[in-house]
């Protein structure tokens, strides 16, 4: 594969956009972002050098965390730019096809389901909720040991009391998280649960108890945010964090026909 060969990197699928709608959206490596259209759909793409984004090079580059971070940041920037202009179904990171004709085929074969997904998220946005256990409360006091109680028994009694106190605080946090989730679900169109983030990966000192995403009608966003603010203020023993609006990654198709590698 020569250094001049190009592959087609896909960011998202939307409906056909007006001419020059993406003129201010820079792609990976500052490439031009344009569209491949078929059956009322438009795949947002950039043509990139196969020397870096072809199948063999991609396999190696995906092991480079610095490279991956830079690509992910620009990928998300493009998706967010498209989502500000129209309903958008994002592609998975590093979804690459050998040429524009292959992208056209993917749109044609998936037109019905991709179109249905776009119709479903039209006029809606994704909001993320994370609830963290703060455990700022003091542990319940341990009754003093009697004058004749053996040291080992005193130690075990203290550890038991600490464990009971921690279990109680966990139960309170989980109950609060469930109530927050239930209340916000009532104002959302859909909900997706994600695995709680580990402190090692997130860098947070607090334990992530709940990690969910909501799909919210634009007309209901003010009510949704107001309710989230009330729940945040009322939460005890935990921190409630809300982020958004985002392009609806959590509610997009899992993979609109892509293999995620060149040569497909």
C-alpha atoms as a PDB file:
ATOM      1  CA  UNK A   1       0.000   0.000   0.000  1.00  0.00           C
ATOM      2  CA  UNK A   2       1.663   3.214  -1.134  1.00  0.00           C
ATOM      3  CA  UNK A   3       2.098   6.284   1.063  1.00  0.00           C
ATOM      4  CA  UNK A   4      -0.217   8.192  -1.271  1.00  0.00           C
ATOM      5  CA  UNK A   5      -3.104   5.753  -0.839  1.00  0.00           C
ATOM      6  CA  UNK A   6      -6.106   7.088   1.058  1.00  0.00           C
ATOM      7  CA  UNK A   7      -8.813   5.517   3.196  1.00  0.00           C
ATOM      8  CA  UNK A   8     -12.166   6.880   4.299  1.00  0.00           C
ATOM      9  CA  UNK A   9     -12.532   7.703   8.001  1.00  0.00           C
ATOM     10  CA  UNK A  10     -16.157   7.915   9.194  1.00  0.00           C
ATOM     11  CA  UNK A  11     -17.221  10.160  12.082  1.00  0.00           C
ATOM     12  CA  UNK A  12     -21.012  10.040  12.049  1.00  0.00           C
ATOM     13  CA  UNK A  13     -24.179   9.664  10.009  1.00  0.00           C
ATOM     14  CA  UNK A  14     -26.746  12.417   9.650  1.00  0.00           C
ATOM     15  CA  UNK A  15     -29.277  13.553   7.087  1.00  0.00           C
ATOM     16  CA  UNK A  16     -28.064  15.507   4.048  1.00  0.00           C
ATOM     17  CA  UNK A  17     -26.768  18.929   5.064  1.00  0.00           C
ATOM     18  CA  UNK A  18     -26.778  22.255   3.200  1.00  0.00           C
ATOM     19  CA  UNK A  19     -23.704  22.971   1.061  1.00  0.00           C
ATOM     20  CA  UNK A  20     -20.719  24.181   3.093  1.00  0.00           C
ATOM     21  CA  UNK A  21     -22.452  23.257   6.387  1.00  0.00           C
ATOM     22  CA  UNK A  22     -19.259  21.524   7.520  1.00  0.00           C
ATOM     23  CA  UNK A  23     -16.834  24.127   6.194  1.00  0.00           C
ATOM     24  CA  UNK A  24     -15.844  25.226   9.706  1.00  0.00           C
ATOM     25  CA  UNK A  25     -15.344  21.704  11.055  1.00  0.00           C
ATOM     26  CA  UNK A  26     -11.714  20.514  10.787  1.00  0.00           C
ATOM     27  CA  UNK A  27     -11.176  16.778  10.547  1.00  0.00           C
ATOM     28  CA  UNK A  28      -8.362  14.543  11.711  1.00  0.00           C
ATOM     29  CA  UNK A  29      -4.972  15.899  10.708  1.00  0.00           C
ATOM     30  CA  UNK A  30      -6.852  19.084   9.695  1.00  0.00           C
ATOM     31  CA  UNK A  31      -8.344  17.210   6.762  1.00  0.00           C
ATOM     32  CA  UNK A  32     -11.438  18.333   4.896  1.00  0.00           C
ATOM     33  CA  UNK A  33     -14.703  17.010   6.308  1.00  0.00           C
ATOM     34  CA  UNK A  34     -17.419  16.265   3.766  1.00  0.00           C
ATOM     35  CA  UNK A  35     -20.178  13.729   3.223  1.00  0.00           C
ATOM     36  CA  UNK A  36     -21.030  10.574   1.300  1.00  0.00           C
ATOM     37  CA  UNK A  37     -24.771  10.542   0.606  1.00  0.00           C
ATOM     38  CA  UNK A  38     -27.160   7.688  -0.101  1.00  0.00           C
ATOM     39  CA  UNK A  39     -30.905   7.103   0.406  1.00  0.00           C
ATOM     40  CA  UNK A  40     -31.481  10.256   2.444  1.00  0.00           C
ATOM     41  CA  UNK A  41     -28.437   9.692   4.669  1.00  0.00           C
ATOM     42  CA  UNK A  42     -25.070  11.427   4.816  1.00  0.00           C
ATOM     43  CA  UNK A  43     -21.942   9.838   6.265  1.00  0.00           C
ATOM     44  CA  UNK A  44     -19.536  12.497   7.552  1.00  0.00           C
ATOM     45  CA  UNK A  45     -16.055  11.492   6.417  1.00  0.00           C
ATOM     46  CA  UNK A  46     -12.461  12.512   5.815  1.00  0.00           C
ATOM     47  CA  UNK A  47     -10.026  10.950   3.377  1.00  0.00           C
ATOM     48  CA  UNK A  48      -6.825  10.186   5.292  1.00  0.00           C
ATOM     49  CA  UNK A  49      -3.456   8.646   4.408  1.00  0.00           C
ATOM     50  CA  UNK A  50      -3.441   4.863   4.542  1.00  0.00           C
ATOM     51  CA  UNK A  51       0.138   5.047   5.822  1.00  0.00           C
ATOM     52  CA  UNK A  52      -1.315   6.132   9.178  1.00  0.00           C
ATOM     53  CA  UNK A  53      -4.933   4.961   9.067  1.00  0.00           C
ATOM     54  CA  UNK A  54      -4.750   1.846   6.902  1.00  0.00           C
ATOM     55  CA  UNK A  55      -5.419  -1.558   8.447  1.00  0.00           C
ATOM     56  CA  UNK A  56      -1.838  -2.481   9.317  1.00  0.00           C
ATOM     57  CA  UNK A  57      -0.868   0.993  10.581  1.00  0.00           C
ATOM     58  CA  UNK A  58      -4.118   1.333  12.519  1.00  0.00           C
ATOM     59  CA  UNK A  59      -3.508  -1.907  14.379  1.00  0.00           C
ATOM     60  CA  UNK A  60      -0.225  -0.521  15.700  1.00  0.00           C
ATOM     61  CA  UNK A  61      -1.464   3.018  16.319  1.00  0.00           C
ATOM     62  CA  UNK A  62      -4.361   1.844  18.462  1.00  0.00           C
ATOM     63  CA  UNK A  63      -1.759   0.580  20.948  1.00  0.00           C
ATOM     64  CA  UNK A  64      -0.311   4.104  21.243  1.00  0.00           C
ATOM     65  CA  UNK A  65      -2.306   5.863  23.979  1.00  0.00           C
ATOM     66  CA  UNK A  66      -1.071   9.316  22.949  1.00  0.00           C
ATOM     67  CA  UNK A  67      -2.117   8.754  19.339  1.00  0.00           C
ATOM     68  CA  UNK A  68      -5.433   7.295  20.437  1.00  0.00           C
ATOM     69  CA  UNK A  69      -6.177  10.258  22.706  1.00  0.00           C
ATOM     70  CA  UNK A  70      -5.490  12.785  19.932  1.00  0.00           C
ATOM     71  CA  UNK A  71      -7.659  10.883  17.456  1.00  0.00           C
ATOM     72  CA  UNK A  72     -10.484  10.452  19.982  1.00  0.00           C
ATOM     73  CA  UNK A  73     -10.473  14.168  20.827  1.00  0.00           C
ATOM     74  CA  UNK A  74     -10.706  15.269  17.185  1.00  0.00           C
ATOM     75  CA  UNK A  75     -13.251  12.543  16.397  1.00  0.00           C
ATOM     76  CA  UNK A  76     -15.475  13.834  19.204  1.00  0.00           C
ATOM     77  CA  UNK A  77     -14.973  17.432  18.091  1.00  0.00           C
ATOM     78  CA  UNK A  78     -16.234  16.556  14.622  1.00  0.00           C
ATOM     79  CA  UNK A  79     -19.202  14.605  15.976  1.00  0.00           C
ATOM     80  CA  UNK A  80     -20.120  17.486  18.286  1.00  0.00           C
ATOM     81  CA  UNK A  81     -19.813  19.929  15.396  1.00  0.00           C
ATOM     82  CA  UNK A  82     -22.166  17.852  13.271  1.00  0.00           C
ATOM     83  CA  UNK A  83     -24.571  17.321  16.189  1.00  0.00           C
ATOM     84  CA  UNK A  84     -24.930  21.095  16.586  1.00  0.00           C
ATOM     85  CA  UNK A  85     -26.244  21.217  13.041  1.00  0.00           C
ATOM     86  CA  UNK A  86     -28.479  18.138  12.837  1.00  0.00           C
ATOM     87  CA  UNK A  87     -29.484  14.852  14.464  1.00  0.00           C
ATOM     88  CA  UNK A  88     -26.376  12.675  14.473  1.00  0.00           C
ATOM     89  CA  UNK A  89     -25.594   8.986  14.934  1.00  0.00           C
ATOM     90  CA  UNK A  90     -21.878   8.758  15.786  1.00  0.00           C
ATOM     91  CA  UNK A  91     -19.668   6.052  14.376  1.00  0.00           C
ATOM     92  CA  UNK A  92     -17.423   4.081  16.670  1.00  0.00           C
ATOM     93  CA  UNK A  93     -13.920   5.529  17.022  1.00  0.00           C
ATOM     94  CA  UNK A  94     -11.600   4.512  14.155  1.00  0.00           C
ATOM     95  CA  UNK A  95     -14.324   3.299  11.792  1.00  0.00           C
ATOM     96  CA  UNK A  96     -12.484   3.215   8.484  1.00  0.00           C
ATOM     97  CA  UNK A  97     -13.376   1.949   4.999  1.00  0.00           C
ATOM     98  CA  UNK A  98     -11.174   1.479   2.006  1.00  0.00           C
ATOM     99  CA  UNK A  99     -13.009   4.083  -0.117  1.00  0.00           C
ATOM    100  CA  UNK A 100     -16.111   6.245  -0.513  1.00  0.00           C
ATOM    101  CA  UNK A 101     -17.865   3.583  -2.574  1.00  0.00           C
ATOM    102  CA  UNK A 102     -17.732   1.194   0.390  1.00  0.00           C
ATOM    103  CA  UNK A 103     -19.205   3.888   2.659  1.00  0.00           C
ATOM    104  CA  UNK A 104     -22.006   4.343   0.110  1.00  0.00           C
ATOM    105  CA  UNK A 105     -22.729   0.600   0.294  1.00  0.00           C
ATOM    106  CA  UNK A 106     -22.850   0.700   4.091  1.00  0.00           C
ATOM    107  CA  UNK A 107     -25.418   3.503   3.998  1.00  0.00           C
ATOM    108  CA  UNK A 108     -27.516   1.701   1.416  1.00  0.00           C
ATOM    109  CA  UNK A 109     -27.571  -1.586   3.325  1.00  0.00           C
ATOM    110  CA  UNK A 110     -28.328   0.087   6.670  1.00  0.00           C
ATOM    111  CA  UNK A 111     -30.623   2.854   5.448  1.00  0.00           C
ATOM    112  CA  UNK A 112     -33.750   1.671   7.253  1.00  0.00           C
ATOM    113  CA  UNK A 113     -32.255   1.194  10.702  1.00  0.00           C
ATOM    114  CA  UNK A 114     -29.952   4.212  10.555  1.00  0.00           C
ATOM    115  CA  UNK A 115     -32.807   6.393   9.337  1.00  0.00           C
ATOM    116  CA  UNK A 116     -35.008   5.127  12.162  1.00  0.00           C
ATOM    117  CA  UNK A 117     -32.272   5.937  14.688  1.00  0.00           C
ATOM    118  CA  UNK A 118     -31.935   9.467  13.330  1.00  0.00           C
ATOM    119  CA  UNK A 119     -35.689   9.994  13.470  1.00  0.00           C
ATOM    120  CA  UNK A 120     -35.695   8.795  17.059  1.00  0.00           C
ATOM    121  CA  UNK A 121     -33.011  11.191  18.275  1.00  0.00           C
ATOM    122  CA  UNK A 122     -34.187  14.193  16.252  1.00  0.00           C
ATOM    123  CA  UNK A 123     -34.768  17.076  18.659  1.00  0.00           C
ATOM    124  CA  UNK A 124     -33.187  15.193  21.566  1.00  0.00           C
ATOM    125  CA  UNK A 125     -29.837  15.162  23.329  1.00  0.00           C
ATOM    126  CA  UNK A 126     -27.883  12.935  25.684  1.00  0.00           C
ATOM    127  CA  UNK A 127     -27.142  13.851  29.295  1.00  0.00           C
ATOM    128  CA  UNK A 128     -24.824  11.904  31.576  1.00  0.00           C
ATOM    129  CA  UNK A 129     -25.336  11.354  35.303  1.00  0.00           C
ATOM    130  CA  UNK A 130     -22.731  10.118  37.757  1.00  0.00           C
ATOM    131  CA  UNK A 131     -23.329   9.666  41.479  1.00  0.00           C
ATOM    132  CA  UNK A 132     -20.293   9.381  43.752  1.00  0.00           C
ATOM    133  CA  UNK A 133     -20.115   8.206  47.356  1.00  0.00           C
ATOM    134  CA  UNK A 134     -18.476  10.952  49.423  1.00  0.00           C
ATOM    135  CA  UNK A 135     -18.613   9.248  52.802  1.00  0.00           C
ATOM    136  CA  UNK A 136     -18.025  12.563  54.550  1.00  0.00           C
ATOM    137  CA  UNK A 137     -20.013  11.381  57.584  1.00  0.00           C
ATOM    138  CA  UNK A 138     -18.118  10.313  60.680  1.00  0.00           C
ATOM    139  CA  UNK A 139     -18.287   6.656  61.605  1.00  0.00           C
ATOM    140  CA  UNK A 140     -20.710   5.857  64.374  1.00  0.00           C
ATOM    141  CA  UNK A 141     -18.934   5.981  67.774  1.00  0.00           C
ATOM    142  CA  UNK A 142     -17.821   2.663  69.187  1.00  0.00           C
ATOM    143  CA  UNK A 143     -18.876   2.090  72.792  1.00  0.00           C
ATOM    144  CA  UNK A 144     -15.863   1.967  75.103  1.00  0.00           C
ATOM    145  CA  UNK A 145     -14.713  -1.461  76.112  1.00  0.00           C
ATOM    146  CA  UNK A 146     -15.323  -2.740  79.598  1.00  0.00           C
ATOM    147  CA  UNK A 147     -12.472  -2.780  82.127  1.00  0.00           C
ATOM    148  CA  UNK A 148     -12.047  -6.551  81.831  1.00  0.00           C
ATOM    149  CA  UNK A 149     -12.617  -6.958  78.050  1.00  0.00           C
ATOM    150  CA  UNK A 150      -9.659  -8.657  76.327  1.00  0.00           C
ATOM    151  CA  UNK A 151      -7.802  -6.423  73.772  1.00  0.00           C
ATOM    152  CA  UNK A 152      -8.529  -8.826  70.906  1.00  0.00           C
ATOM    153  CA  UNK A 153     -12.264  -8.760  71.536  1.00  0.00           C
ATOM    154  CA  UNK A 154     -12.200  -4.958  71.791  1.00  0.00           C
ATOM    155  CA  UNK A 155     -10.454  -4.752  68.409  1.00  0.00           C
ATOM    156  CA  UNK A 156     -12.946  -7.108  66.741  1.00  0.00           C
ATOM    157  CA  UNK A 157     -15.874  -5.196  68.209  1.00  0.00           C
ATOM    158  CA  UNK A 158     -14.455  -1.953  66.856  1.00  0.00           C
ATOM    159  CA  UNK A 159     -13.953  -3.412  63.363  1.00  0.00           C
ATOM    160  CA  UNK A 160     -17.477  -4.817  63.371  1.00  0.00           C
ATOM    161  CA  UNK A 161     -18.918  -1.434  64.317  1.00  0.00           C
ATOM    162  CA  UNK A 162     -16.898   0.265  61.547  1.00  0.00           C
ATOM    163  CA  UNK A 163     -18.107  -2.272  58.982  1.00  0.00           C
ATOM    164  CA  UNK A 164     -21.721  -1.827  60.045  1.00  0.00           C
ATOM    165  CA  UNK A 165     -21.318   1.945  59.810  1.00  0.00           C
ATOM    166  CA  UNK A 166     -19.830   1.697  56.315  1.00  0.00           C
ATOM    167  CA  UNK A 167     -22.552  -0.702  55.166  1.00  0.00           C
ATOM    168  CA  UNK A 168     -25.173   1.735  56.425  1.00  0.00           C
ATOM    169  CA  UNK A 169     -23.602   4.627  54.573  1.00  0.00           C
ATOM    170  CA  UNK A 170     -23.369   2.554  51.368  1.00  0.00           C
ATOM    171  CA  UNK A 171     -27.044   1.647  51.682  1.00  0.00           C
ATOM    172  CA  UNK A 172     -27.949   5.317  52.066  1.00  0.00           C
ATOM    173  CA  UNK A 173     -25.891   6.321  49.025  1.00  0.00           C
ATOM    174  CA  UNK A 174     -27.366   3.535  46.881  1.00  0.00           C
ATOM    175  CA  UNK A 175     -30.872   4.524  47.976  1.00  0.00           C
ATOM    176  CA  UNK A 176     -30.187   8.168  47.087  1.00  0.00           C
ATOM    177  CA  UNK A 177     -28.731   7.178  43.705  1.00  0.00           C
ATOM    178  CA  UNK A 178     -31.783   5.045  42.922  1.00  0.00           C
ATOM    179  CA  UNK A 179     -34.143   7.903  43.794  1.00  0.00           C
ATOM    180  CA  UNK A 180     -32.165  10.369  41.648  1.00  0.00           C
ATOM    181  CA  UNK A 181     -32.200   7.928  38.742  1.00  0.00           C
ATOM    182  CA  UNK A 182     -35.921   7.223  39.070  1.00  0.00           C
ATOM    183  CA  UNK A 183     -36.771  10.928  39.224  1.00  0.00           C
ATOM    184  CA  UNK A 184     -34.696  11.844  36.150  1.00  0.00           C
ATOM    185  CA  UNK A 185     -35.951   8.819  34.203  1.00  0.00           C
ATOM    186  CA  UNK A 186     -39.456  10.255  34.479  1.00  0.00           C
ATOM    187  CA  UNK A 187     -38.297  13.296  32.472  1.00  0.00           C
ATOM    188  CA  UNK A 188     -36.312  11.364  29.841  1.00  0.00           C
ATOM    189  CA  UNK A 189     -37.260   9.477  26.710  1.00  0.00           C
ATOM    190  CA  UNK A 190     -34.779   6.671  27.330  1.00  0.00           C
ATOM    191  CA  UNK A 191     -32.018   5.575  29.687  1.00  0.00           C
ATOM    192  CA  UNK A 192     -28.800   3.608  29.299  1.00  0.00           C
ATOM    193  CA  UNK A 193     -26.808   2.247  32.231  1.00  0.00           C
ATOM    194  CA  UNK A 194     -23.016   2.166  31.999  1.00  0.00           C
ATOM    195  CA  UNK A 195     -20.554   0.388  34.228  1.00  0.00           C
ATOM    196  CA  UNK A 196     -19.440   2.587  37.150  1.00  0.00           C
ATOM    197  CA  UNK A 197     -16.000   4.056  36.524  1.00  0.00           C
ATOM    198  CA  UNK A 198     -13.111   2.838  38.636  1.00  0.00           C
ATOM    199  CA  UNK A 199     -11.190   5.417  40.623  1.00  0.00           C
ATOM    200  CA  UNK A 200      -7.967   4.259  38.998  1.00  0.00           C
ATOM    201  CA  UNK A 201      -9.225   5.131  35.524  1.00  0.00           C
ATOM    202  CA  UNK A 202     -11.252   8.233  36.351  1.00  0.00           C
ATOM    203  CA  UNK A 203      -8.777   9.801  38.763  1.00  0.00           C
ATOM    204  CA  UNK A 204     -11.606  10.612  41.198  1.00  0.00           C
ATOM    205  CA  UNK A 205     -11.015  10.095  44.899  1.00  0.00           C
ATOM    206  CA  UNK A 206     -14.686   9.172  45.387  1.00  0.00           C
ATOM    207  CA  UNK A 207     -16.332   5.889  44.417  1.00  0.00           C
ATOM    208  CA  UNK A 208     -18.631   6.040  41.384  1.00  0.00           C
ATOM    209  CA  UNK A 209     -21.896   4.371  42.395  1.00  0.00           C
ATOM    210  CA  UNK A 210     -24.126   5.169  39.407  1.00  0.00           C
ATOM    211  CA  UNK A 211     -23.196   5.969  35.795  1.00  0.00           C
ATOM    212  CA  UNK A 212     -26.146   6.422  33.414  1.00  0.00           C
ATOM    213  CA  UNK A 213     -27.143   8.377  30.321  1.00  0.00           C
ATOM    214  CA  UNK A 214     -30.536   9.855  29.482  1.00  0.00           C
ATOM    215  CA  UNK A 215     -32.041  10.807  26.151  1.00  0.00           C
ATOM    216  CA  UNK A 216     -34.014  14.009  26.704  1.00  0.00           C
ATOM    217  CA  UNK A 217     -36.384  15.944  24.449  1.00  0.00           C
ATOM    218  CA  UNK A 218     -35.116  19.453  23.780  1.00  0.00           C
ATOM    219  CA  UNK A 219     -38.473  20.774  24.997  1.00  0.00           C
ATOM    220  CA  UNK A 220     -37.937  19.061  28.372  1.00  0.00           C
ATOM    221  CA  UNK A 221     -34.301  20.018  28.979  1.00  0.00           C
ATOM    222  CA  UNK A 222     -35.096  22.985  31.272  1.00  0.00           C
ATOM    223  CA  UNK A 223     -37.318  20.828  33.477  1.00  0.00           C
ATOM    224  CA  UNK A 224     -34.736  18.040  33.443  1.00  0.00           C
ATOM    225  CA  UNK A 225     -31.924  20.383  34.512  1.00  0.00           C
ATOM    226  CA  UNK A 226     -34.052  22.035  37.177  1.00  0.00           C
ATOM    227  CA  UNK A 227     -34.937  18.657  38.670  1.00  0.00           C
ATOM    228  CA  UNK A 228     -31.301  17.539  38.543  1.00  0.00           C
ATOM    229  CA  UNK A 229     -30.331  20.694  40.442  1.00  0.00           C
ATOM    230  CA  UNK A 230     -32.908  19.992  43.141  1.00  0.00           C
ATOM    231  CA  UNK A 231     -31.697  16.404  43.504  1.00  0.00           C
ATOM    232  CA  UNK A 232     -28.075  17.519  43.672  1.00  0.00           C
ATOM    233  CA  UNK A 233     -28.842  20.010  46.436  1.00  0.00           C
ATOM    234  CA  UNK A 234     -30.811  17.448  48.451  1.00  0.00           C
ATOM    235  CA  UNK A 235     -28.282  14.611  48.148  1.00  0.00           C
ATOM    236  CA  UNK A 236     -26.544  13.602  51.368  1.00  0.00           C
ATOM    237  CA  UNK A 237     -23.426  11.467  51.598  1.00  0.00           C
ATOM    238  CA  UNK A 238     -22.935  11.545  47.833  1.00  0.00           C
ATOM    239  CA  UNK A 239     -22.103  13.885  44.976  1.00  0.00           C
ATOM    240  CA  UNK A 240     -24.409  14.139  41.965  1.00  0.00           C
ATOM    241  CA  UNK A 241     -22.763  15.216  38.703  1.00  0.00           C
ATOM    242  CA  UNK A 242     -24.586  15.941  35.433  1.00  0.00           C
ATOM    243  CA  UNK A 243     -22.903  16.549  32.071  1.00  0.00           C
ATOM    244  CA  UNK A 244     -24.199  17.406  28.610  1.00  0.00           C
ATOM    245  CA  UNK A 245     -25.656  17.964  26.188  1.00  0.00           C
ATOM    246  CA  UNK A 246     -23.791  15.362  24.167  1.00  0.00           C
ATOM    247  CA  UNK A 247     -24.255  13.725  20.822  1.00  0.00           C
ATOM    248  CA  UNK A 248     -26.280  10.585  21.614  1.00  0.00           C
ATOM    249  CA  UNK A 249     -23.473   8.013  21.639  1.00  0.00           C
ATOM    250  CA  UNK A 250     -25.297   5.874  24.190  1.00  0.00           C
ATOM    251  CA  UNK A 251     -28.443   5.728  22.065  1.00  0.00           C
ATOM    252  CA  UNK A 252     -26.891   5.364  18.621  1.00  0.00           C
ATOM    253  CA  UNK A 253     -26.718   2.139  16.710  1.00  0.00           C
ATOM    254  CA  UNK A 254     -24.028  -0.101  18.195  1.00  0.00           C
ATOM    255  CA  UNK A 255     -22.241  -0.293  14.858  1.00  0.00           C
ATOM    256  CA  UNK A 256     -23.916   0.802  11.582  1.00  0.00           C
ATOM    257  CA  UNK A 257     -22.382  -1.942   9.482  1.00  0.00           C
ATOM    258  CA  UNK A 258     -18.751  -1.015  10.110  1.00  0.00           C
ATOM    259  CA  UNK A 259     -15.799  -3.245  10.814  1.00  0.00           C
ATOM    260  CA  UNK A 260     -13.647  -0.463  12.230  1.00  0.00           C
ATOM    261  CA  UNK A 261     -10.692  -1.216   9.956  1.00  0.00           C
ATOM    262  CA  UNK A 262      -9.465  -0.361   6.501  1.00  0.00           C
ATOM    263  CA  UNK A 263     -10.046  -2.606   3.568  1.00  0.00           C
ATOM    264  CA  UNK A 264     -13.687  -3.312   4.418  1.00  0.00           C
END
